């Protein structure tokens, strides 16, 4: 049994992480207490931690690891399941996306070549400001689309407001 100096209880050896600091090879705080301190630290510094997580997610090795995972059979199954779950949670939004895709296919609307915000030629996203008007879309490049979502909130359908 080892004494945890944080919760001041004696616990089994397996309840402690390995440590080279203590002579017995165990840390002074149990796993449960270390996890609690880590959660509290994250809660107290949430904005800094979120920024750190965003930066870390863009590291080249992590980006490559995500791409590699998406190519695996399991990654493809998970992506398909996530898409199905999104469509089930957001049926009206999915219908708006389908309406735009069908109108593009049928020639009822035409995808422009330039972004409506920055006028750059790029691959454009059809963006809904109001999902109650499925064919009323803005054509935005990826950076402008992301910026729009940072600065604005789309109008969702009535059923989504209730959920």
Protein backbone atom coordinates (compact mmCIF):
# COMPACT_ATOMS: atom_id res chain seq x y z
CA UNK A 1 0.00 0.00 0.00
CA UNK A 2 1.18 3.50 -0.86
CA UNK A 3 0.06 6.75 0.72
CA UNK A 4 -1.39 9.41 -1.63
CA UNK A 5 -0.35 12.78 -0.34
CA UNK A 6 -3.14 14.57 -2.24
CA UNK A 7 -6.25 12.65 -1.11
CA UNK A 8 -4.41 11.42 2.03
CA UNK A 9 -5.43 7.79 1.67
CA UNK A 10 -3.54 4.55 1.26
CA UNK A 11 -4.08 2.83 -2.05
CA UNK A 12 -2.82 -0.22 -3.90
CA UNK A 13 0.37 0.00 -5.94
CA UNK A 14 -1.60 -0.25 -9.22
CA UNK A 15 -3.41 3.01 -8.38
CA UNK A 16 -0.19 5.00 -8.92
CA UNK A 17 1.71 5.91 -12.08
CA UNK A 18 5.33 4.80 -12.44
CA UNK A 19 7.81 7.47 -11.35
CA UNK A 20 11.57 7.64 -11.22
CA UNK A 21 11.41 10.34 -8.54
CA UNK A 22 10.37 8.20 -5.59
CA UNK A 23 12.57 5.43 -4.34
CA UNK A 24 9.74 2.89 -4.62
CA UNK A 25 9.13 3.93 -8.24
CA UNK A 26 5.65 5.30 -7.57
CA UNK A 27 4.43 8.89 -7.58
CA UNK A 28 3.19 10.68 -4.49
CA UNK A 29 -0.26 11.27 -5.97
CA UNK A 30 -2.59 8.50 -7.10
CA UNK A 31 -3.86 8.25 -10.68
CA UNK A 32 -7.31 9.47 -9.67
CA UNK A 33 -5.92 12.62 -8.01
CA UNK A 34 -3.57 13.38 -10.91
CA UNK A 35 -6.51 13.11 -13.34
CA UNK A 36 -8.65 15.36 -11.12
CA UNK A 37 -5.87 17.98 -10.98
CA UNK A 38 -5.47 17.80 -14.79
CA UNK A 39 -9.24 18.29 -15.31
CA UNK A 40 -9.25 21.24 -12.88
CA UNK A 41 -6.22 22.79 -14.59
CA UNK A 42 -7.91 22.47 -17.98
CA UNK A 43 -11.14 24.01 -16.64
CA UNK A 44 -9.24 26.93 -15.10
CA UNK A 45 -7.30 27.60 -18.33
CA UNK A 46 -9.87 26.49 -20.89
CA UNK A 47 -9.20 29.14 -23.55
CA UNK A 48 -5.45 28.56 -23.49
CA UNK A 49 -6.00 24.78 -23.62
CA UNK A 50 -8.43 25.09 -26.55
CA UNK A 51 -5.94 27.23 -28.46
CA UNK A 52 -3.20 24.69 -27.71
CA UNK A 53 -5.46 21.89 -28.96
CA UNK A 54 -6.25 23.82 -32.16
CA UNK A 55 -2.56 24.44 -32.82
CA UNK A 56 -1.64 20.83 -32.07
CA UNK A 57 -4.37 19.53 -34.39
CA UNK A 58 -2.69 21.36 -37.27
CA UNK A 59 0.74 19.80 -36.73
CA UNK A 60 1.81 18.09 -39.97
CA UNK A 61 2.21 14.70 -38.30
CA UNK A 62 -1.33 14.86 -36.86
CA UNK A 63 -2.82 16.02 -40.17
CA UNK A 64 -1.08 13.13 -41.94
CA UNK A 65 -2.23 10.67 -39.28
CA UNK A 66 -5.87 11.76 -39.83
CA UNK A 67 -5.49 11.37 -43.59
CA UNK A 68 -3.96 7.92 -43.15
CA UNK A 69 -6.78 6.89 -40.79
CA UNK A 70 -9.43 8.10 -43.27
CA UNK A 71 -7.96 5.73 -45.86
CA UNK A 72 -8.37 2.70 -43.61
CA UNK A 73 -11.49 0.56 -43.69
CA UNK A 74 -12.31 1.46 -40.09
CA UNK A 75 -11.82 5.18 -40.79
CA UNK A 76 -14.16 4.99 -43.77
CA UNK A 77 -16.79 3.16 -41.70
CA UNK A 78 -16.55 5.78 -38.94
CA UNK A 79 -16.84 8.65 -41.46
CA UNK A 80 -19.91 7.05 -43.03
CA UNK A 81 -21.49 6.53 -39.62
CA UNK A 82 -20.81 10.16 -38.67
CA UNK A 83 -22.41 11.39 -41.91
CA UNK A 84 -25.49 9.22 -41.34
CA UNK A 85 -25.79 10.43 -37.74
CA UNK A 86 -25.52 14.08 -38.88
CA UNK A 87 -28.23 13.55 -41.50
CA UNK A 88 -30.50 11.94 -38.88
CA UNK A 89 -29.92 14.78 -36.38
CA UNK A 90 -30.39 17.53 -38.99
CA UNK A 91 -32.99 16.36 -41.55
CA UNK A 92 -34.05 19.83 -42.74
CA UNK A 93 -30.45 21.00 -43.13
CA UNK A 94 -29.68 17.87 -45.12
CA UNK A 95 -32.76 18.51 -47.28
CA UNK A 96 -31.49 22.05 -47.99
CA UNK A 97 -28.10 20.63 -49.03
CA UNK A 98 -29.83 18.08 -51.28
CA UNK A 99 -32.04 20.79 -52.82
CA UNK A 100 -28.95 22.81 -53.82
CA UNK A 101 -27.19 19.73 -55.21
CA UNK A 102 -30.29 18.74 -57.22
CA UNK A 103 -30.75 22.29 -58.54
CA UNK A 104 -27.10 22.38 -59.62
CA UNK A 105 -27.47 19.02 -61.34
CA UNK A 106 -30.68 20.10 -63.11
CA UNK A 107 -29.24 23.48 -64.16
CA UNK A 108 -31.75 25.52 -62.11
CA UNK A 109 -28.88 27.32 -60.39
CA UNK A 110 -25.30 27.82 -61.56
CA UNK A 111 -22.21 27.75 -59.39
CA UNK A 112 -20.23 30.95 -60.02
CA UNK A 113 -16.46 30.89 -60.43
CA UNK A 114 -15.68 33.68 -57.91
CA UNK A 115 -16.28 33.96 -54.17
CA UNK A 116 -19.03 36.46 -53.30
CA UNK A 117 -16.92 37.94 -50.48
CA UNK A 118 -13.33 38.16 -51.76
CA UNK A 119 -13.94 37.74 -55.52
CA UNK A 120 -11.15 35.11 -55.74
CA UNK A 121 -11.49 32.22 -58.15
CA UNK A 122 -11.60 29.05 -56.07
CA UNK A 123 -13.59 25.92 -55.35
CA UNK A 124 -16.75 27.37 -53.81
CA UNK A 125 -19.09 26.16 -51.07
CA UNK A 126 -22.81 26.82 -51.28
CA UNK A 127 -23.52 28.44 -47.92
CA UNK A 128 -27.00 28.76 -46.38
CA UNK A 129 -27.54 31.84 -44.24
CA UNK A 130 -31.15 30.73 -43.69
CA UNK A 131 -32.01 27.03 -43.94
CA UNK A 132 -35.69 27.96 -44.36
CA UNK A 133 -34.74 29.17 -47.88
CA UNK A 134 -32.93 26.13 -49.31
CA UNK A 135 -32.07 27.58 -52.74
CA UNK A 136 -30.90 30.95 -51.39
CA UNK A 137 -27.16 30.29 -51.03
CA UNK A 138 -23.99 32.37 -50.92
CA UNK A 139 -21.05 31.02 -52.89
CA UNK A 140 -17.96 31.30 -50.68
CA UNK A 141 -14.39 30.03 -50.83
CA UNK A 142 -13.22 27.95 -47.87
CA UNK A 143 -11.47 30.79 -45.94
CA UNK A 144 -14.44 33.16 -46.39
CA UNK A 145 -16.87 30.38 -45.42
CA UNK A 146 -14.96 29.73 -42.20
CA UNK A 147 -14.78 33.46 -41.46
CA UNK A 148 -18.53 33.81 -42.03
CA UNK A 149 -19.20 31.13 -39.42
CA UNK A 150 -16.85 32.82 -36.95
CA UNK A 151 -18.68 36.14 -37.32
CA UNK A 152 -22.30 35.00 -37.88
CA UNK A 153 -24.91 32.44 -36.89
CA UNK A 154 -27.11 30.87 -39.57
CA UNK A 155 -30.89 30.85 -39.17
CA UNK A 156 -31.98 27.31 -38.49
CA UNK A 157 -35.31 25.71 -39.16
CA UNK A 158 -38.01 25.87 -36.50
CA UNK A 159 -37.67 22.18 -35.61
CA UNK A 160 -33.95 22.63 -34.88
CA UNK A 161 -34.65 25.51 -32.48
CA UNK A 162 -36.88 23.22 -30.44
CA UNK A 163 -34.31 20.42 -30.26
